[in-house]
């Protein structure tokens, strides 16, 4: 152990042979309670406890039970909520979806589409999208809102959307009409640019104002819905309306929502006086 470092807490160490020998001398009901108190340095064993008689097996059972209880008592610091676990699973589904989507596009290029890869990618995407509402419900219903969840949830949401848009821009999903199997190149560029501007703007606000107020706006919600619709148009191969119309609508609202968020950020800077000229 390095100089200056504090020793490990006694309750994190395994019980020694001396502790086990002393526990065998305690009665069955008092052994576990007194030993756990002694280990946590709340009370010290008294000579009176040595007069208790109990079987060795009963004392060992109590000792093993409370040794596990001691070790588990330090686990909650690292325990993760169910809502956060769902969010992490959604993040882990993203590379699986991308892999299946790319493999299906490659099978289209070879002229031998593997439909099971397409169906697998669709199912993974639907499950990941549905888990977005599930983790939010669990967090609200069981009071599991956390700082980690507030960070992971938008990462999972944006990661799923961006990965789908980028993948379906570089991989063709239609063996009949390429115009229905791939997004135009400008669409992912627009979506990524808007999200990058929002991210940089949030960093600037946090640096200058020390706080960031992000209010969901209806153009942003409409843009998200239209982006999901465009993704569904490609994956489900819907032809009753041209894909380009859906993409253009999603692109327009994506651009408008970006402008709205930028203007909101500028107003926050002006309210704190950071947008005005400095006096020398």
C-alpha atoms as a PDB file:
ATOM      1  CA  UNK A   1       0.000   0.000   0.000  1.00  0.00           C
ATOM      2  CA  UNK A   2       1.333   3.427  -0.922  1.00  0.00           C
ATOM      3  CA  UNK A   3       2.337   5.883   1.775  1.00  0.00           C
ATOM      4  CA  UNK A   4      -0.400   8.265   2.799  1.00  0.00           C
ATOM      5  CA  UNK A   5      -3.233   6.008   1.622  1.00  0.00           C
ATOM      6  CA  UNK A   6      -5.883   4.921   4.095  1.00  0.00           C
ATOM      7  CA  UNK A   7      -6.281   1.175   4.702  1.00  0.00           C
ATOM      8  CA  UNK A   8      -9.282  -0.631   3.274  1.00  0.00           C
ATOM      9  CA  UNK A   9     -12.378  -0.594   5.523  1.00  0.00           C
ATOM     10  CA  UNK A  10     -12.584  -3.704   7.644  1.00  0.00           C
ATOM     11  CA  UNK A  11     -16.111  -4.482   6.432  1.00  0.00           C
ATOM     12  CA  UNK A  12     -14.826  -4.969   2.897  1.00  0.00           C
ATOM     13  CA  UNK A  13     -12.355  -7.666   3.958  1.00  0.00           C
ATOM     14  CA  UNK A  14     -13.120 -11.345   4.332  1.00  0.00           C
ATOM     15  CA  UNK A  15     -13.612 -12.632   7.845  1.00  0.00           C
ATOM     16  CA  UNK A  16     -10.497 -14.055   9.401  1.00  0.00           C
ATOM     17  CA  UNK A  17     -10.169 -17.404  11.100  1.00  0.00           C
ATOM     18  CA  UNK A  18     -10.206 -15.681  14.485  1.00  0.00           C
ATOM     19  CA  UNK A  19     -13.571 -14.074  13.676  1.00  0.00           C
ATOM     20  CA  UNK A  20     -14.995 -17.429  12.643  1.00  0.00           C
ATOM     21  CA  UNK A  21     -13.763 -19.059  15.842  1.00  0.00           C
ATOM     22  CA  UNK A  22     -15.318 -16.317  17.925  1.00  0.00           C
ATOM     23  CA  UNK A  23     -18.597 -16.587  15.990  1.00  0.00           C
ATOM     24  CA  UNK A  24     -18.853 -20.286  16.816  1.00  0.00           C
ATOM     25  CA  UNK A  25     -18.917 -19.377  20.497  1.00  0.00           C
ATOM     26  CA  UNK A  26     -21.947 -17.137  20.042  1.00  0.00           C
ATOM     27  CA  UNK A  27     -25.485 -18.374  20.186  1.00  0.00           C
ATOM     28  CA  UNK A  28     -27.373 -18.831  16.949  1.00  0.00           C
ATOM     29  CA  UNK A  29     -29.562 -15.735  17.265  1.00  0.00           C
ATOM     30  CA  UNK A  30     -26.857 -13.406  18.588  1.00  0.00           C
ATOM     31  CA  UNK A  31     -23.939 -14.561  16.485  1.00  0.00           C
ATOM     32  CA  UNK A  32     -24.842 -12.873  13.228  1.00  0.00           C
ATOM     33  CA  UNK A  33     -26.098  -9.641  14.822  1.00  0.00           C
ATOM     34  CA  UNK A  34     -23.116  -9.129  17.135  1.00  0.00           C
ATOM     35  CA  UNK A  35     -20.614 -10.102  14.472  1.00  0.00           C
ATOM     36  CA  UNK A  36     -21.972  -7.632  11.950  1.00  0.00           C
ATOM     37  CA  UNK A  37     -21.952  -4.886  14.609  1.00  0.00           C
ATOM     38  CA  UNK A  38     -18.430  -5.841  15.656  1.00  0.00           C
ATOM     39  CA  UNK A  39     -17.241  -5.750  12.041  1.00  0.00           C
ATOM     40  CA  UNK A  40     -18.739  -2.302  11.528  1.00  0.00           C
ATOM     41  CA  UNK A  41     -17.186  -1.196  14.840  1.00  0.00           C
ATOM     42  CA  UNK A  42     -20.549  -0.257  16.339  1.00  0.00           C
ATOM     43  CA  UNK A  43     -20.247  -2.450  19.400  1.00  0.00           C
ATOM     44  CA  UNK A  44     -17.572  -4.726  20.807  1.00  0.00           C
ATOM     45  CA  UNK A  45     -18.126  -8.322  21.882  1.00  0.00           C
ATOM     46  CA  UNK A  46     -18.565  -8.720  25.597  1.00  0.00           C
ATOM     47  CA  UNK A  47     -17.447 -11.657  27.721  1.00  0.00           C
ATOM     48  CA  UNK A  48     -21.108 -12.462  28.356  1.00  0.00           C
ATOM     49  CA  UNK A  49     -21.597 -13.494  24.765  1.00  0.00           C
ATOM     50  CA  UNK A  50     -18.988 -16.227  25.109  1.00  0.00           C
ATOM     51  CA  UNK A  51     -21.332 -18.137  27.422  1.00  0.00           C
ATOM     52  CA  UNK A  52     -23.842 -18.663  24.601  1.00  0.00           C
ATOM     53  CA  UNK A  53     -23.779 -22.135  23.185  1.00  0.00           C
ATOM     54  CA  UNK A  54     -24.816 -22.959  19.678  1.00  0.00           C
ATOM     55  CA  UNK A  55     -23.976 -25.532  17.087  1.00  0.00           C
ATOM     56  CA  UNK A  56     -21.066 -24.830  14.775  1.00  0.00           C
ATOM     57  CA  UNK A  57     -23.215 -25.273  11.671  1.00  0.00           C
ATOM     58  CA  UNK A  58     -25.842 -22.725  12.810  1.00  0.00           C
ATOM     59  CA  UNK A  59     -23.196 -20.135  13.590  1.00  0.00           C
ATOM     60  CA  UNK A  60     -21.536 -20.717  10.227  1.00  0.00           C
ATOM     61  CA  UNK A  61     -24.860 -20.238   8.453  1.00  0.00           C
ATOM     62  CA  UNK A  62     -25.460 -16.931  10.219  1.00  0.00           C
ATOM     63  CA  UNK A  63     -21.896 -15.828   9.541  1.00  0.00           C
ATOM     64  CA  UNK A  64     -22.098 -16.647   5.812  1.00  0.00           C
ATOM     65  CA  UNK A  65     -25.486 -14.947   5.477  1.00  0.00           C
ATOM     66  CA  UNK A  66     -24.371 -11.669   7.022  1.00  0.00           C
ATOM     67  CA  UNK A  67     -21.024 -11.724   5.285  1.00  0.00           C
ATOM     68  CA  UNK A  68     -22.954 -11.681   2.022  1.00  0.00           C
ATOM     69  CA  UNK A  69     -25.203  -8.975   3.436  1.00  0.00           C
ATOM     70  CA  UNK A  70     -22.162  -6.866   4.273  1.00  0.00           C
ATOM     71  CA  UNK A  71     -20.753  -7.245   0.801  1.00  0.00           C
ATOM     72  CA  UNK A  72     -24.103  -6.480  -0.826  1.00  0.00           C
ATOM     73  CA  UNK A  73     -24.590  -3.414   1.357  1.00  0.00           C
ATOM     74  CA  UNK A  74     -21.904  -1.664  -0.669  1.00  0.00           C
ATOM     75  CA  UNK A  75     -23.353  -2.643  -4.058  1.00  0.00           C
ATOM     76  CA  UNK A  76     -26.133   0.022  -4.305  1.00  0.00           C
ATOM     77  CA  UNK A  77     -23.506   2.668  -5.007  1.00  0.00           C
ATOM     78  CA  UNK A  78     -22.843   0.900  -8.311  1.00  0.00           C
ATOM     79  CA  UNK A  79     -26.372  -0.420  -8.946  1.00  0.00           C
ATOM     80  CA  UNK A  80     -27.990   0.754 -12.170  1.00  0.00           C
ATOM     81  CA  UNK A  81     -31.678   1.455 -12.554  1.00  0.00           C
ATOM     82  CA  UNK A  82     -33.878  -0.642 -14.821  1.00  0.00           C
ATOM     83  CA  UNK A  83     -34.568   2.388 -17.025  1.00  0.00           C
ATOM     84  CA  UNK A  84     -30.847   2.937 -17.594  1.00  0.00           C
ATOM     85  CA  UNK A  85     -30.350  -0.744 -18.383  1.00  0.00           C
ATOM     86  CA  UNK A  86     -33.040  -0.516 -21.069  1.00  0.00           C
ATOM     87  CA  UNK A  87     -31.336   2.564 -22.519  1.00  0.00           C
ATOM     88  CA  UNK A  88     -27.958   0.823 -22.615  1.00  0.00           C
ATOM     89  CA  UNK A  89     -29.514  -2.188 -24.358  1.00  0.00           C
ATOM     90  CA  UNK A  90     -30.959   0.214 -26.942  1.00  0.00           C
ATOM     91  CA  UNK A  91     -27.497   1.674 -27.528  1.00  0.00           C
ATOM     92  CA  UNK A  92     -26.045  -1.827 -27.954  1.00  0.00           C
ATOM     93  CA  UNK A  93     -28.729  -2.631 -30.540  1.00  0.00           C
ATOM     94  CA  UNK A  94     -27.530   0.161 -32.826  1.00  0.00           C
ATOM     95  CA  UNK A  95     -24.402  -1.598 -34.193  1.00  0.00           C
ATOM     96  CA  UNK A  96     -26.394  -4.814 -34.666  1.00  0.00           C
ATOM     97  CA  UNK A  97     -28.997  -2.937 -36.713  1.00  0.00           C
ATOM     98  CA  UNK A  98     -26.311  -1.209 -38.798  1.00  0.00           C
ATOM     99  CA  UNK A  99     -24.595  -4.533 -39.477  1.00  0.00           C
ATOM    100  CA  UNK A 100     -27.791  -6.215 -40.657  1.00  0.00           C
ATOM    101  CA  UNK A 101     -28.742  -3.194 -42.791  1.00  0.00           C
ATOM    102  CA  UNK A 102     -25.349  -3.099 -44.520  1.00  0.00           C
ATOM    103  CA  UNK A 103     -25.347  -6.863 -45.114  1.00  0.00           C
ATOM    104  CA  UNK A 104     -28.791  -6.674 -46.673  1.00  0.00           C
ATOM    105  CA  UNK A 105     -27.651  -3.842 -48.953  1.00  0.00           C
ATOM    106  CA  UNK A 106     -24.692  -5.940 -50.030  1.00  0.00           C
ATOM    107  CA  UNK A 107     -26.978  -8.868 -50.813  1.00  0.00           C
ATOM    108  CA  UNK A 108     -29.038  -6.506 -53.016  1.00  0.00           C
ATOM    109  CA  UNK A 109     -25.877  -5.544 -54.916  1.00  0.00           C
ATOM    110  CA  UNK A 110     -25.044  -9.216 -55.467  1.00  0.00           C
ATOM    111  CA  UNK A 111     -28.485  -9.767 -56.954  1.00  0.00           C
ATOM    112  CA  UNK A 112     -29.483 -12.278 -54.289  1.00  0.00           C
ATOM    113  CA  UNK A 113     -31.406 -10.414 -51.559  1.00  0.00           C
ATOM    114  CA  UNK A 114     -31.399 -12.131 -48.162  1.00  0.00           C
ATOM    115  CA  UNK A 115     -34.789 -11.170 -46.776  1.00  0.00           C
ATOM    116  CA  UNK A 116     -34.062 -12.534 -43.320  1.00  0.00           C
ATOM    117  CA  UNK A 117     -31.400  -9.854 -42.912  1.00  0.00           C
ATOM    118  CA  UNK A 118     -33.941  -7.191 -43.877  1.00  0.00           C
ATOM    119  CA  UNK A 119     -36.540  -8.520 -41.434  1.00  0.00           C
ATOM    120  CA  UNK A 120     -33.923  -8.798 -38.688  1.00  0.00           C
ATOM    121  CA  UNK A 121     -32.858  -5.174 -39.186  1.00  0.00           C
ATOM    122  CA  UNK A 122     -36.501  -4.023 -39.151  1.00  0.00           C
ATOM    123  CA  UNK A 123     -37.286  -5.940 -35.955  1.00  0.00           C
ATOM    124  CA  UNK A 124     -34.193  -4.606 -34.198  1.00  0.00           C
ATOM    125  CA  UNK A 125     -35.046  -1.057 -35.206  1.00  0.00           C
ATOM    126  CA  UNK A 126     -38.668  -1.413 -34.038  1.00  0.00           C
ATOM    127  CA  UNK A 127     -37.635  -2.922 -30.702  1.00  0.00           C
ATOM    128  CA  UNK A 128     -35.055  -0.177 -30.161  1.00  0.00           C
ATOM    129  CA  UNK A 129     -37.597   2.516 -31.038  1.00  0.00           C
ATOM    130  CA  UNK A 130     -40.202   0.980 -28.714  1.00  0.00           C
ATOM    131  CA  UNK A 131     -37.684   0.785 -25.860  1.00  0.00           C
ATOM    132  CA  UNK A 132     -37.404   4.577 -26.031  1.00  0.00           C
ATOM    133  CA  UNK A 133     -40.917   4.880 -24.659  1.00  0.00           C
ATOM    134  CA  UNK A 134     -40.442   1.933 -22.306  1.00  0.00           C
ATOM    135  CA  UNK A 135     -37.445   3.341 -20.428  1.00  0.00           C
ATOM    136  CA  UNK A 136     -39.214   6.682 -20.074  1.00  0.00           C
ATOM    137  CA  UNK A 137     -42.298   4.978 -18.630  1.00  0.00           C
ATOM    138  CA  UNK A 138     -40.225   2.913 -16.205  1.00  0.00           C
ATOM    139  CA  UNK A 139     -38.289   5.998 -15.078  1.00  0.00           C
ATOM    140  CA  UNK A 140     -41.505   7.936 -14.403  1.00  0.00           C
ATOM    141  CA  UNK A 141     -43.576   5.082 -12.989  1.00  0.00           C
ATOM    142  CA  UNK A 142     -40.945   3.750 -10.581  1.00  0.00           C
ATOM    143  CA  UNK A 143     -39.168   7.066  -9.890  1.00  0.00           C
ATOM    144  CA  UNK A 144     -35.915   5.985 -11.533  1.00  0.00           C
ATOM    145  CA  UNK A 145     -34.966   9.288 -13.118  1.00  0.00           C
ATOM    146  CA  UNK A 146     -31.228   9.836 -12.887  1.00  0.00           C
ATOM    147  CA  UNK A 147     -28.469  12.055 -14.223  1.00  0.00           C
ATOM    148  CA  UNK A 148     -27.016   9.121 -16.150  1.00  0.00           C
ATOM    149  CA  UNK A 149     -30.380   8.478 -17.789  1.00  0.00           C
ATOM    150  CA  UNK A 150     -30.706  12.127 -18.802  1.00  0.00           C
ATOM    151  CA  UNK A 151     -27.375  11.777 -20.638  1.00  0.00           C
ATOM    152  CA  UNK A 152     -27.799   8.293 -22.116  1.00  0.00           C
ATOM    153  CA  UNK A 153     -31.373   8.697 -23.394  1.00  0.00           C
ATOM    154  CA  UNK A 154     -30.712  11.465 -25.977  1.00  0.00           C
ATOM    155  CA  UNK A 155     -27.507   9.696 -27.012  1.00  0.00           C
ATOM    156  CA  UNK A 156     -29.491   6.522 -27.692  1.00  0.00           C
ATOM    157  CA  UNK A 157     -32.229   8.397 -29.543  1.00  0.00           C
ATOM    158  CA  UNK A 158     -29.896  10.395 -31.783  1.00  0.00           C
ATOM    159  CA  UNK A 159     -27.623   7.415 -32.268  1.00  0.00           C
ATOM    160  CA  UNK A 160     -30.477   5.259 -33.527  1.00  0.00           C
ATOM    161  CA  UNK A 161     -31.838   7.933 -35.894  1.00  0.00           C
ATOM    162  CA  UNK A 162     -28.459   9.015 -37.260  1.00  0.00           C
ATOM    163  CA  UNK A 163     -27.207   5.458 -37.719  1.00  0.00           C
ATOM    164  CA  UNK A 164     -30.349   4.530 -39.652  1.00  0.00           C
ATOM    165  CA  UNK A 165     -30.231   7.644 -41.853  1.00  0.00           C
ATOM    166  CA  UNK A 166     -26.511   7.295 -42.600  1.00  0.00           C
ATOM    167  CA  UNK A 167     -26.728   3.541 -43.236  1.00  0.00           C
ATOM    168  CA  UNK A 168     -29.725   3.889 -45.546  1.00  0.00           C
ATOM    169  CA  UNK A 169     -27.856   6.618 -47.433  1.00  0.00           C
ATOM    170  CA  UNK A 170     -24.851   4.462 -48.285  1.00  0.00           C
ATOM    171  CA  UNK A 171     -26.680   1.140 -48.645  1.00  0.00           C
ATOM    172  CA  UNK A 172     -29.350   0.494 -51.287  1.00  0.00           C
ATOM    173  CA  UNK A 173     -32.372  -1.452 -50.021  1.00  0.00           C
ATOM    174  CA  UNK A 174     -34.321  -1.782 -53.256  1.00  0.00           C
ATOM    175  CA  UNK A 175     -33.588  -4.261 -56.038  1.00  0.00           C
ATOM    176  CA  UNK A 176     -36.363  -2.745 -58.189  1.00  0.00           C
ATOM    177  CA  UNK A 177     -35.994   1.040 -57.983  1.00  0.00           C
ATOM    178  CA  UNK A 178     -32.887   2.576 -56.350  1.00  0.00           C
ATOM    179  CA  UNK A 179     -34.835   5.810 -55.777  1.00  0.00           C
ATOM    180  CA  UNK A 180     -36.879   3.974 -53.134  1.00  0.00           C
ATOM    181  CA  UNK A 181     -33.976   2.152 -51.522  1.00  0.00           C
ATOM    182  CA  UNK A 182     -31.606   4.935 -50.550  1.00  0.00           C
ATOM    183  CA  UNK A 183     -31.660   8.464 -49.145  1.00  0.00           C
ATOM    184  CA  UNK A 184     -30.143  11.283 -51.193  1.00  0.00           C
ATOM    185  CA  UNK A 185     -26.721  12.392 -49.977  1.00  0.00           C
ATOM    186  CA  UNK A 186     -27.887  15.830 -48.849  1.00  0.00           C
ATOM    187  CA  UNK A 187     -30.344  14.394 -46.304  1.00  0.00           C
ATOM    188  CA  UNK A 188     -27.821  12.863 -43.834  1.00  0.00           C
ATOM    189  CA  UNK A 189     -25.586  15.916 -44.284  1.00  0.00           C
ATOM    190  CA  UNK A 190     -28.451  18.209 -43.269  1.00  0.00           C
ATOM    191  CA  UNK A 191     -29.431  16.096 -40.261  1.00  0.00           C
ATOM    192  CA  UNK A 192     -25.852  15.748 -39.008  1.00  0.00           C
ATOM    193  CA  UNK A 193     -25.156  19.460 -39.512  1.00  0.00           C
ATOM    194  CA  UNK A 194     -28.229  20.484 -37.528  1.00  0.00           C
ATOM    195  CA  UNK A 195     -27.373  18.167 -34.633  1.00  0.00           C
ATOM    196  CA  UNK A 196     -23.745  19.329 -34.665  1.00  0.00           C
ATOM    197  CA  UNK A 197     -24.797  22.988 -34.555  1.00  0.00           C
ATOM    198  CA  UNK A 198     -27.142  22.292 -31.645  1.00  0.00           C
ATOM    199  CA  UNK A 199     -24.422  20.380 -29.795  1.00  0.00           C
ATOM    200  CA  UNK A 200     -21.822  23.117 -30.295  1.00  0.00           C
ATOM    201  CA  UNK A 201     -24.363  25.778 -29.339  1.00  0.00           C
ATOM    202  CA  UNK A 202     -25.208  23.929 -26.134  1.00  0.00           C
ATOM    203  CA  UNK A 203     -21.498  23.799 -25.308  1.00  0.00           C
ATOM    204  CA  UNK A 204     -21.123  27.541 -25.889  1.00  0.00           C
ATOM    205  CA  UNK A 205     -24.154  28.295 -23.712  1.00  0.00           C
ATOM    206  CA  UNK A 206     -22.814  26.114 -20.928  1.00  0.00           C
ATOM    207  CA  UNK A 207     -19.401  27.765 -21.170  1.00  0.00           C
ATOM    208  CA  UNK A 208     -20.691  31.343 -21.140  1.00  0.00           C
ATOM    209  CA  UNK A 209     -23.913  31.127 -19.149  1.00  0.00           C
ATOM    210  CA  UNK A 210     -23.093  28.152 -16.975  1.00  0.00           C
ATOM    211  CA  UNK A 211     -26.499  26.643 -17.783  1.00  0.00           C
ATOM    212  CA  UNK A 212     -28.496  25.517 -20.794  1.00  0.00           C
ATOM    213  CA  UNK A 213     -32.277  25.642 -21.156  1.00  0.00           C
ATOM    214  CA  UNK A 214     -33.444  23.366 -23.954  1.00  0.00           C
ATOM    215  CA  UNK A 215     -37.174  23.473 -24.602  1.00  0.00           C
ATOM    216  CA  UNK A 216     -38.661  20.971 -27.072  1.00  0.00           C
ATOM    217  CA  UNK A 217     -40.178  22.844 -30.026  1.00  0.00           C
ATOM    218  CA  UNK A 218     -42.899  21.550 -32.320  1.00  0.00           C
ATOM    219  CA  UNK A 219     -40.739  21.831 -35.495  1.00  0.00           C
ATOM    220  CA  UNK A 220     -38.207  19.529 -33.858  1.00  0.00           C
ATOM    221  CA  UNK A 221     -40.888  17.000 -32.964  1.00  0.00           C
ATOM    222  CA  UNK A 222     -42.323  17.109 -36.486  1.00  0.00           C
ATOM    223  CA  UNK A 223     -38.829  16.694 -37.944  1.00  0.00           C
ATOM    224  CA  UNK A 224     -38.244  13.604 -35.793  1.00  0.00           C
ATOM    225  CA  UNK A 225     -41.559  12.063 -36.858  1.00  0.00           C
ATOM    226  CA  UNK A 226     -40.829  12.721 -40.540  1.00  0.00           C
ATOM    227  CA  UNK A 227     -37.317  11.298 -40.217  1.00  0.00           C
ATOM    228  CA  UNK A 228     -38.778   8.125 -38.709  1.00  0.00           C
ATOM    229  CA  UNK A 229     -41.345   8.028 -41.531  1.00  0.00           C
ATOM    230  CA  UNK A 230     -38.585   8.330 -44.134  1.00  0.00           C
ATOM    231  CA  UNK A 231     -36.688   5.467 -42.508  1.00  0.00           C
ATOM    232  CA  UNK A 232     -39.846   3.339 -42.513  1.00  0.00           C
ATOM    233  CA  UNK A 233     -40.428   4.219 -46.200  1.00  0.00           C
ATOM    234  CA  UNK A 234     -37.077   2.697 -47.121  1.00  0.00           C
ATOM    235  CA  UNK A 235     -37.104  -0.333 -44.823  1.00  0.00           C
ATOM    236  CA  UNK A 236     -40.712  -1.307 -45.590  1.00  0.00           C
ATOM    237  CA  UNK A 237     -40.352  -0.417 -49.274  1.00  0.00           C
ATOM    238  CA  UNK A 238     -43.516   1.693 -49.452  1.00  0.00           C
ATOM    239  CA  UNK A 239     -44.315   2.926 -52.959  1.00  0.00           C
ATOM    240  CA  UNK A 240     -47.725   4.607 -52.725  1.00  0.00           C
ATOM    241  CA  UNK A 241     -45.932   7.960 -52.247  1.00  0.00           C
ATOM    242  CA  UNK A 242     -42.508   8.861 -53.661  1.00  0.00           C
ATOM    243  CA  UNK A 243     -39.731   8.623 -51.079  1.00  0.00           C
ATOM    244  CA  UNK A 244     -38.350  11.966 -52.229  1.00  0.00           C
ATOM    245  CA  UNK A 245     -41.489  13.772 -51.008  1.00  0.00           C
ATOM    246  CA  UNK A 246     -41.075  12.350 -47.499  1.00  0.00           C
ATOM    247  CA  UNK A 247     -37.369  13.166 -47.447  1.00  0.00           C
ATOM    248  CA  UNK A 248     -37.968  16.754 -48.602  1.00  0.00           C
ATOM    249  CA  UNK A 249     -40.615  17.275 -45.901  1.00  0.00           C
ATOM    250  CA  UNK A 250     -38.275  15.840 -43.259  1.00  0.00           C
ATOM    251  CA  UNK A 251     -35.425  18.021 -44.546  1.00  0.00           C
ATOM    252  CA  UNK A 252     -37.511  21.203 -44.427  1.00  0.00           C
ATOM    253  CA  UNK A 253     -38.610  20.675 -40.833  1.00  0.00           C
ATOM    254  CA  UNK A 254     -35.090  19.589 -39.857  1.00  0.00           C
ATOM    255  CA  UNK A 255     -33.748  22.891 -41.174  1.00  0.00           C
ATOM    256  CA  UNK A 256     -36.533  24.924 -39.527  1.00  0.00           C
ATOM    257  CA  UNK A 257     -36.013  23.224 -36.183  1.00  0.00           C
ATOM    258  CA  UNK A 258     -32.286  23.949 -36.381  1.00  0.00           C
ATOM    259  CA  UNK A 259     -32.968  27.644 -36.993  1.00  0.00           C
ATOM    260  CA  UNK A 260     -35.449  27.733 -34.084  1.00  0.00           C
ATOM    261  CA  UNK A 261     -32.946  26.182 -31.678  1.00  0.00           C
ATOM    262  CA  UNK A 262     -30.190  28.561 -32.801  1.00  0.00           C
ATOM    263  CA  UNK A 263     -32.447  31.576 -32.265  1.00  0.00           C
ATOM    264  CA  UNK A 264     -33.391  30.234 -28.836  1.00  0.00           C
ATOM    265  CA  UNK A 265     -29.707  29.930 -27.958  1.00  0.00           C
ATOM    266  CA  UNK A 266     -28.989  33.480 -29.150  1.00  0.00           C
ATOM    267  CA  UNK A 267     -31.808  34.792 -26.963  1.00  0.00           C
ATOM    268  CA  UNK A 268     -30.292  33.051 -23.947  1.00  0.00           C
ATOM    269  CA  UNK A 269     -26.922  34.653 -24.708  1.00  0.00           C
ATOM    270  CA  UNK A 270     -28.526  38.078 -25.066  1.00  0.00           C
ATOM    271  CA  UNK A 271     -30.391  37.675 -21.778  1.00  0.00           C
ATOM    272  CA  UNK A 272     -27.038  37.206 -20.015  1.00  0.00           C
ATOM    273  CA  UNK A 273     -25.412  40.073 -21.931  1.00  0.00           C
ATOM    274  CA  UNK A 274     -22.889  37.895 -23.795  1.00  0.00           C
ATOM    275  CA  UNK A 275     -24.152  38.909 -27.248  1.00  0.00           C
ATOM    276  CA  UNK A 276     -23.490  42.635 -26.692  1.00  0.00           C
ATOM    277  CA  UNK A 277     -20.271  44.441 -27.577  1.00  0.00           C
ATOM    278  CA  UNK A 278     -17.815  44.657 -24.709  1.00  0.00           C
ATOM    279  CA  UNK A 279     -16.694  48.051 -23.470  1.00  0.00           C
ATOM    280  CA  UNK A 280     -12.964  48.735 -23.358  1.00  0.00           C
END
